[in-house]
Amino acid sequence: MDAEWEERQITLAFIQPGKPTQNAYIERLNGSMRQELLNAYVFKTLDEVRTKTQQWMYDYNHHRPHKSLGYKTPIELLN
């Protein structure tokens, strides 16, 4: 995997332990996913987790405007 990252000129940058505000966008995503998906359902199978996660991600990327994207959805920003 390191060779692929190097080929794509991707550099890993780790945040300091205990400093989640250094990457607030990911922390926001993690919090939303935890609250709206992981804490909202009791999953019985891995397939249930996969299905609900795919549905949640589709909604998050196609229907929800994001403040950080100028109140556009990620899909709108790509078009």
N, C-alpha and C. Protein backbone atom coordinates (compact mmCIF):
# COMPACT_ATOMS: atom_id res chain seq x y z
N MET A 1 0.83 -1.19 0.00
CA MET A 1 0.00 0.00 0.00
C MET A 1 0.87 1.25 0.00
N ASP A 2 2.02 1.22 0.62
CA ASP A 2 2.90 2.38 0.63
C ASP A 2 3.29 2.80 -0.79
N ALA A 3 3.51 1.82 -1.67
CA ALA A 3 3.90 2.13 -3.05
C ALA A 3 2.75 2.86 -3.77
N GLU A 4 1.51 2.42 -3.52
CA GLU A 4 0.36 3.09 -4.15
C GLU A 4 0.23 4.52 -3.64
N TRP A 5 0.41 4.72 -2.35
CA TRP A 5 0.34 6.08 -1.79
C TRP A 5 1.43 6.95 -2.39
N GLU A 6 2.62 6.39 -2.51
CA GLU A 6 3.73 7.17 -3.08
C GLU A 6 3.45 7.51 -4.54
N GLU A 7 2.92 6.55 -5.28
CA GLU A 7 2.59 6.77 -6.68
C GLU A 7 1.55 7.89 -6.85
N ARG A 8 0.59 7.96 -5.92
CA ARG A 8 -0.46 8.99 -5.97
C ARG A 8 -0.07 10.25 -5.21
N GLN A 9 1.15 10.28 -4.72
CA GLN A 9 1.68 11.42 -3.97
C GLN A 9 0.82 11.74 -2.74
N ILE A 10 0.46 10.68 -1.99
CA ILE A 10 -0.32 10.82 -0.77
C ILE A 10 0.63 10.71 0.41
N THR A 11 0.56 11.68 1.30
CA THR A 11 1.37 11.67 2.50
C THR A 11 0.46 11.50 3.71
N LEU A 12 0.80 10.55 4.56
CA LEU A 12 0.02 10.35 5.78
C LEU A 12 0.43 11.40 6.81
N ALA A 13 -0.55 11.98 7.44
CA ALA A 13 -0.30 12.95 8.51
C ALA A 13 -1.20 12.58 9.68
N PHE A 14 -0.61 12.12 10.76
CA PHE A 14 -1.37 11.69 11.91
C PHE A 14 -1.63 12.86 12.85
N ILE A 15 -2.83 12.88 13.45
CA ILE A 15 -3.11 13.91 14.44
C ILE A 15 -2.52 13.45 15.77
N GLN A 16 -2.29 14.40 16.65
CA GLN A 16 -1.75 14.08 17.96
C GLN A 16 -2.81 13.36 18.78
N PRO A 17 -2.42 12.36 19.56
CA PRO A 17 -3.39 11.68 20.41
C PRO A 17 -4.10 12.67 21.34
N GLY A 18 -5.40 12.52 21.45
CA GLY A 18 -6.18 13.39 22.32
C GLY A 18 -6.48 14.76 21.73
N LYS A 19 -6.22 14.94 20.43
CA LYS A 19 -6.44 16.23 19.77
C LYS A 19 -7.36 16.06 18.56
N PRO A 20 -8.61 15.61 18.77
CA PRO A 20 -9.49 15.37 17.62
C PRO A 20 -9.84 16.63 16.85
N THR A 21 -9.69 17.80 17.45
CA THR A 21 -10.02 19.03 16.73
C THR A 21 -9.02 19.33 15.62
N GLN A 22 -7.92 18.61 15.56
CA GLN A 22 -6.97 18.81 14.47
C GLN A 22 -7.53 18.28 13.15
N ASN A 23 -8.56 17.47 13.21
CA ASN A 23 -9.22 16.99 12.01
C ASN A 23 -10.73 17.01 12.24
N ALA A 24 -11.27 18.19 12.35
CA ALA A 24 -12.66 18.37 12.74
C ALA A 24 -13.64 17.80 11.70
N TYR A 25 -13.29 17.80 10.42
CA TYR A 25 -14.20 17.27 9.40
C TYR A 25 -14.46 15.79 9.62
N ILE A 26 -13.41 15.03 9.88
CA ILE A 26 -13.56 13.60 10.11
C ILE A 26 -14.28 13.35 11.43
N GLU A 27 -13.96 14.12 12.44
CA GLU A 27 -14.65 13.97 13.72
C GLU A 27 -16.13 14.25 13.59
N ARG A 28 -16.50 15.21 12.77
CA ARG A 28 -17.91 15.53 12.52
C ARG A 28 -18.59 14.36 11.84
N LEU A 29 -17.94 13.82 10.82
CA LEU A 29 -18.48 12.65 10.12
C LEU A 29 -18.63 11.48 11.07
N ASN A 30 -17.60 11.20 11.85
CA ASN A 30 -17.65 10.09 12.79
C ASN A 30 -18.79 10.27 13.79
N GLY A 31 -18.97 11.48 14.30
CA GLY A 31 -20.04 11.75 15.26
C GLY A 31 -21.41 11.56 14.65
N SER A 32 -21.60 12.07 13.43
CA SER A 32 -22.88 11.90 12.74
C SER A 32 -23.17 10.43 12.49
N MET A 33 -22.18 9.71 12.01
CA MET A 33 -22.38 8.29 11.72
C MET A 33 -22.69 7.51 13.00
N ARG A 34 -21.98 7.82 14.05
CA ARG A 34 -22.20 7.14 15.33
C ARG A 34 -23.62 7.40 15.84
N GLN A 35 -24.02 8.66 15.84
CA GLN A 35 -25.32 9.03 16.39
C GLN A 35 -26.48 8.54 15.53
N GLU A 36 -26.40 8.74 14.22
CA GLU A 36 -27.52 8.46 13.33
C GLU A 36 -27.59 7.03 12.83
N LEU A 37 -26.49 6.30 12.93
CA LEU A 37 -26.47 4.95 12.39
C LEU A 37 -26.13 3.92 13.46
N LEU A 38 -24.95 4.02 14.00
CA LEU A 38 -24.48 2.98 14.91
C LEU A 38 -25.25 2.92 16.23
N ASN A 39 -25.64 4.07 16.76
CA ASN A 39 -26.40 4.08 18.01
C ASN A 39 -27.90 3.93 17.79
N ALA A 40 -28.35 4.06 16.55
CA ALA A 40 -29.77 4.05 16.26
C ALA A 40 -30.33 2.66 15.96
N TYR A 41 -29.47 1.73 15.63
CA TYR A 41 -29.92 0.40 15.23
C TYR A 41 -29.21 -0.69 16.04
N VAL A 42 -29.90 -1.80 16.18
CA VAL A 42 -29.29 -3.01 16.74
C VAL A 42 -29.12 -3.96 15.57
N PHE A 43 -27.89 -4.21 15.19
CA PHE A 43 -27.60 -5.05 14.03
C PHE A 43 -27.46 -6.50 14.46
N LYS A 44 -28.02 -7.39 13.66
CA LYS A 44 -27.93 -8.82 13.96
C LYS A 44 -26.96 -9.54 13.05
N THR A 45 -26.73 -8.97 11.86
CA THR A 45 -25.80 -9.60 10.92
C THR A 45 -24.90 -8.53 10.30
N LEU A 46 -23.81 -8.98 9.76
CA LEU A 46 -22.90 -8.08 9.07
C LEU A 46 -23.55 -7.52 7.80
N ASP A 47 -24.40 -8.31 7.16
CA ASP A 47 -25.11 -7.80 5.98
C ASP A 47 -26.03 -6.64 6.33
N GLU A 48 -26.65 -6.68 7.49
CA GLU A 48 -27.48 -5.55 7.94
C GLU A 48 -26.63 -4.29 8.10
N VAL A 49 -25.46 -4.46 8.68
CA VAL A 49 -24.56 -3.32 8.87
C VAL A 49 -24.18 -2.74 7.51
N ARG A 50 -23.82 -3.59 6.59
CA ARG A 50 -23.42 -3.14 5.25
C ARG A 50 -24.56 -2.40 4.55
N THR A 51 -25.76 -2.97 4.60
CA THR A 51 -26.91 -2.36 3.92
C THR A 51 -27.23 -1.00 4.51
N LYS A 52 -27.33 -0.92 5.84
CA LYS A 52 -27.67 0.35 6.50
C LYS A 52 -26.57 1.39 6.28
N THR A 53 -25.33 0.94 6.30
CA THR A 53 -24.21 1.86 6.09
C THR A 53 -24.25 2.43 4.67
N GLN A 54 -24.51 1.60 3.68
CA GLN A 54 -24.61 2.08 2.31
C GLN A 54 -25.76 3.06 2.15
N GLN A 55 -26.90 2.78 2.77
CA GLN A 55 -28.04 3.70 2.71
C GLN A 55 -27.69 5.03 3.37
N TRP A 56 -27.05 4.97 4.52
CA TRP A 56 -26.68 6.19 5.24
C TRP A 56 -25.70 7.02 4.43
N MET A 57 -24.69 6.36 3.86
CA MET A 57 -23.69 7.08 3.07
C MET A 57 -24.30 7.73 1.83
N TYR A 58 -25.22 7.04 1.19
CA TYR A 58 -25.88 7.60 0.01
C TYR A 58 -26.65 8.86 0.40
N ASP A 59 -27.42 8.77 1.48
CA ASP A 59 -28.17 9.93 1.95
C ASP A 59 -27.23 11.08 2.32
N TYR A 60 -26.17 10.77 3.03
CA TYR A 60 -25.21 11.78 3.49
C TYR A 60 -24.55 12.51 2.32
N ASN A 61 -24.25 11.78 1.27
CA ASN A 61 -23.54 12.37 0.13
C ASN A 61 -24.44 12.95 -0.96
N HIS A 62 -25.69 12.49 -1.06
CA HIS A 62 -26.57 12.92 -2.14
C HIS A 62 -27.67 13.89 -1.71
N HIS A 63 -28.08 13.86 -0.45
CA HIS A 63 -29.24 14.64 -0.05
C HIS A 63 -28.97 15.68 1.03
N ARG A 64 -27.85 15.61 1.70
CA ARG A 64 -27.59 16.53 2.80
C ARG A 64 -26.61 17.63 2.41
N PRO A 65 -27.04 18.86 2.46
CA PRO A 65 -26.09 19.95 2.22
C PRO A 65 -25.11 20.05 3.39
N HIS A 66 -23.87 20.35 3.07
CA HIS A 66 -22.82 20.45 4.07
C HIS A 66 -22.37 21.90 4.18
N LYS A 67 -22.33 22.41 5.37
CA LYS A 67 -21.91 23.79 5.60
C LYS A 67 -20.51 24.03 5.03
N SER A 68 -19.62 23.07 5.24
CA SER A 68 -18.24 23.23 4.78
C SER A 68 -18.12 23.25 3.25
N LEU A 69 -19.18 22.82 2.56
CA LEU A 69 -19.18 22.82 1.09
C LEU A 69 -20.08 23.92 0.53
N GLY A 70 -20.31 24.94 1.34
CA GLY A 70 -21.16 26.04 0.89
C GLY A 70 -22.62 25.62 0.77
N TYR A 71 -23.05 24.76 1.66
CA TYR A 71 -24.42 24.24 1.70
C TYR A 71 -24.81 23.50 0.42
N LYS A 72 -23.83 22.83 -0.15
CA LYS A 72 -24.08 21.93 -1.28
C LYS A 72 -23.85 20.51 -0.79
N THR A 73 -24.43 19.55 -1.52
CA THR A 73 -24.13 18.17 -1.22
C THR A 73 -22.80 17.82 -1.88
N PRO A 74 -22.11 16.80 -1.40
CA PRO A 74 -20.86 16.41 -2.07
C PRO A 74 -21.06 16.10 -3.56
N ILE A 75 -22.18 15.51 -3.90
CA ILE A 75 -22.45 15.19 -5.31
C ILE A 75 -22.65 16.45 -6.13
N GLU A 76 -23.35 17.44 -5.57
CA GLU A 76 -23.53 18.72 -6.27
C GLU A 76 -22.18 19.40 -6.51
N LEU A 77 -21.30 19.28 -5.57
CA LEU A 77 -19.99 19.90 -5.70
C LEU A 77 -19.18 19.27 -6.83
N LEU A 78 -19.36 17.98 -7.04
CA LEU A 78 -18.63 17.28 -8.10
C LEU A 78 -19.18 17.58 -9.48
N ASN A 79 -20.42 17.96 -9.57
CA ASN A 79 -21.05 18.22 -10.89
C ASN A 79 -20.83 19.62 -11.34
